[in-house]
Amino acid sequence: MAESKVTGIIQSLNGLEDDLDSLNSKVADMKKQLNTKAQNEVEKLLEKTREMATKEAEVIINASKEKANAESAKIAHDGESKLAEIQSKINDNFDEAVNHVVSTVLKA
């Protein structure tokens, strides 16, 4: 009778060991699944972050372009104004300059 109890205990322990092995296997599978899900979420978040960064960069670039175009137009306008001013001064003093040159040439 004692031998049958020992055999029963051994069989119970073997059953528990099998259950533990099964649980360990299930835990390992769950870890793999969690790691896969976590990696997928990381990839999704990384992609969203890239999209957000790209959109923000486009906004910044467009704002910079608009500012540069405005500054360029202002510089061009200022240049045209200065050119017109210089042209006006040349036209105003042209006759005087010609007279001075002729006078200088005739004295020589």
Protein backbone atom coordinates (compact mmCIF):
# COMPACT_ATOMS: atom_id res chain seq x y z
CA MET A 1 0.00 0.00 0.00
CA ALA A 2 2.82 2.42 0.80
CA GLU A 3 4.27 1.73 -2.61
CA SER A 4 1.03 2.70 -4.34
CA LYS A 5 0.93 5.96 -2.37
CA VAL A 6 4.50 6.73 -3.43
CA THR A 7 3.62 5.85 -7.00
CA GLY A 8 0.56 8.11 -6.79
CA ILE A 9 2.68 10.95 -5.40
CA ILE A 10 5.28 10.45 -8.12
CA GLN A 11 2.59 10.45 -10.77
CA SER A 12 1.08 13.59 -9.27
CA LEU A 13 4.50 15.23 -9.23
CA ASN A 14 5.08 14.18 -12.85
CA GLY A 15 1.69 15.66 -13.72
CA LEU A 16 2.62 18.91 -11.94
CA GLU A 17 5.95 18.97 -13.73
CA ASP A 18 4.18 18.51 -17.06
CA ASP A 19 1.77 21.31 -16.13
CA LEU A 20 4.69 23.57 -15.20
CA ASP A 21 6.43 22.80 -18.49
CA SER A 22 3.20 23.57 -20.33
CA LEU A 23 2.80 26.84 -18.40
CA ASN A 24 6.42 27.79 -19.08
CA SER A 25 5.86 27.15 -22.76
CA LYS A 26 2.68 29.24 -22.73
CA VAL A 27 4.47 32.04 -20.88
CA ALA A 28 7.28 31.97 -23.44
CA ASP A 29 4.72 32.18 -26.26
CA MET A 30 2.97 35.07 -24.51
CA LYS A 31 6.30 36.88 -24.13
CA LYS A 32 6.93 36.48 -27.86
CA GLN A 33 3.46 37.80 -28.66
CA LEU A 34 3.89 40.76 -26.31
CA ASN A 35 7.29 41.55 -27.81
CA THR A 36 5.82 41.39 -31.31
CA LYS A 37 2.91 43.64 -30.34
CA ALA A 38 5.25 46.07 -28.59
CA GLN A 39 7.53 46.19 -31.65
CA ASN A 40 4.54 46.81 -33.91
CA GLU A 41 3.34 49.64 -31.67
CA VAL A 42 6.83 51.14 -31.62
CA GLU A 43 6.93 51.04 -35.43
CA LYS A 44 3.48 52.65 -35.67
CA LEU A 45 4.45 55.40 -33.24
CA LEU A 46 7.73 55.96 -35.06
CA GLU A 47 5.87 56.32 -38.36
CA LYS A 48 3.38 58.76 -36.81
CA THR A 49 6.26 60.75 -35.33
CA ARG A 50 7.95 60.90 -38.74
CA GLU A 51 4.73 62.08 -40.36
CA MET A 52 4.26 64.76 -37.71
CA ALA A 53 7.88 65.88 -38.05
CA THR A 54 7.55 65.99 -41.84
CA LYS A 55 4.39 68.10 -41.64
CA GLU A 56 6.00 70.47 -39.14
CA ALA A 57 9.10 70.74 -41.32
CA GLU A 58 6.92 71.55 -44.34
CA VAL A 59 5.17 74.29 -42.37
CA ILE A 60 8.51 75.76 -41.30
CA ILE A 61 9.92 75.54 -44.84
CA ASN A 62 6.84 77.16 -46.35
CA ALA A 63 6.95 79.97 -43.79
CA SER A 64 10.64 80.49 -44.53
CA LYS A 65 9.94 80.57 -48.28
CA GLU A 66 7.21 83.16 -47.83
CA LYS A 67 9.47 85.29 -45.66
CA ALA A 68 12.35 84.97 -48.14
CA ASN A 69 10.07 85.88 -51.05
CA ALA A 70 8.77 88.92 -49.17
CA GLU A 71 12.31 90.03 -48.34
CA SER A 72 13.40 89.42 -51.92
CA ALA A 73 10.51 91.52 -53.26
CA LYS A 74 11.38 94.31 -50.80
CA ILE A 75 15.05 94.22 -51.82
CA ALA A 76 14.08 94.29 -55.50
CA HIS A 77 11.73 97.23 -54.88
CA ASP A 78 14.40 99.10 -52.92
CA GLY A 79 16.91 98.42 -55.71
CA GLU A 80 14.53 99.75 -58.33
CA SER A 81 13.94 102.87 -56.21
CA LYS A 82 17.68 103.47 -55.83
CA LEU A 83 18.21 102.89 -59.55
CA ALA A 84 15.47 105.38 -60.38
CA GLU A 85 17.05 107.88 -57.97
CA ILE A 86 20.48 107.44 -59.55
CA GLN A 87 19.00 107.69 -63.03
CA SER A 88 17.24 110.90 -62.02
CA LYS A 89 20.47 112.39 -60.64
CA ILE A 90 22.31 111.47 -63.85
CA ASN A 91 19.61 113.05 -65.96
CA ASP A 92 19.53 116.18 -63.77
CA ASN A 93 23.32 116.69 -63.94
CA PHE A 94 23.99 115.40 -67.46
CA ASP A 95 24.03 118.80 -69.19
CA GLU A 96 26.28 120.27 -66.50
CA ALA A 97 28.70 117.34 -66.82
CA VAL A 98 28.83 117.67 -70.61
CA ASN A 99 29.49 121.39 -70.34
CA HIS A 100 32.26 120.78 -67.82
CA VAL A 101 33.93 118.18 -70.07
CA VAL A 102 33.69 120.43 -73.14
CA SER A 103 35.06 123.35 -71.16
CA THR A 104 37.95 121.27 -69.88
CA VAL A 105 38.77 119.94 -73.37
CA LEU A 106 38.67 123.41 -74.93
CA LYS A 107 41.02 124.85 -72.28
CA ALA A 108 43.61 122.23 -72.96
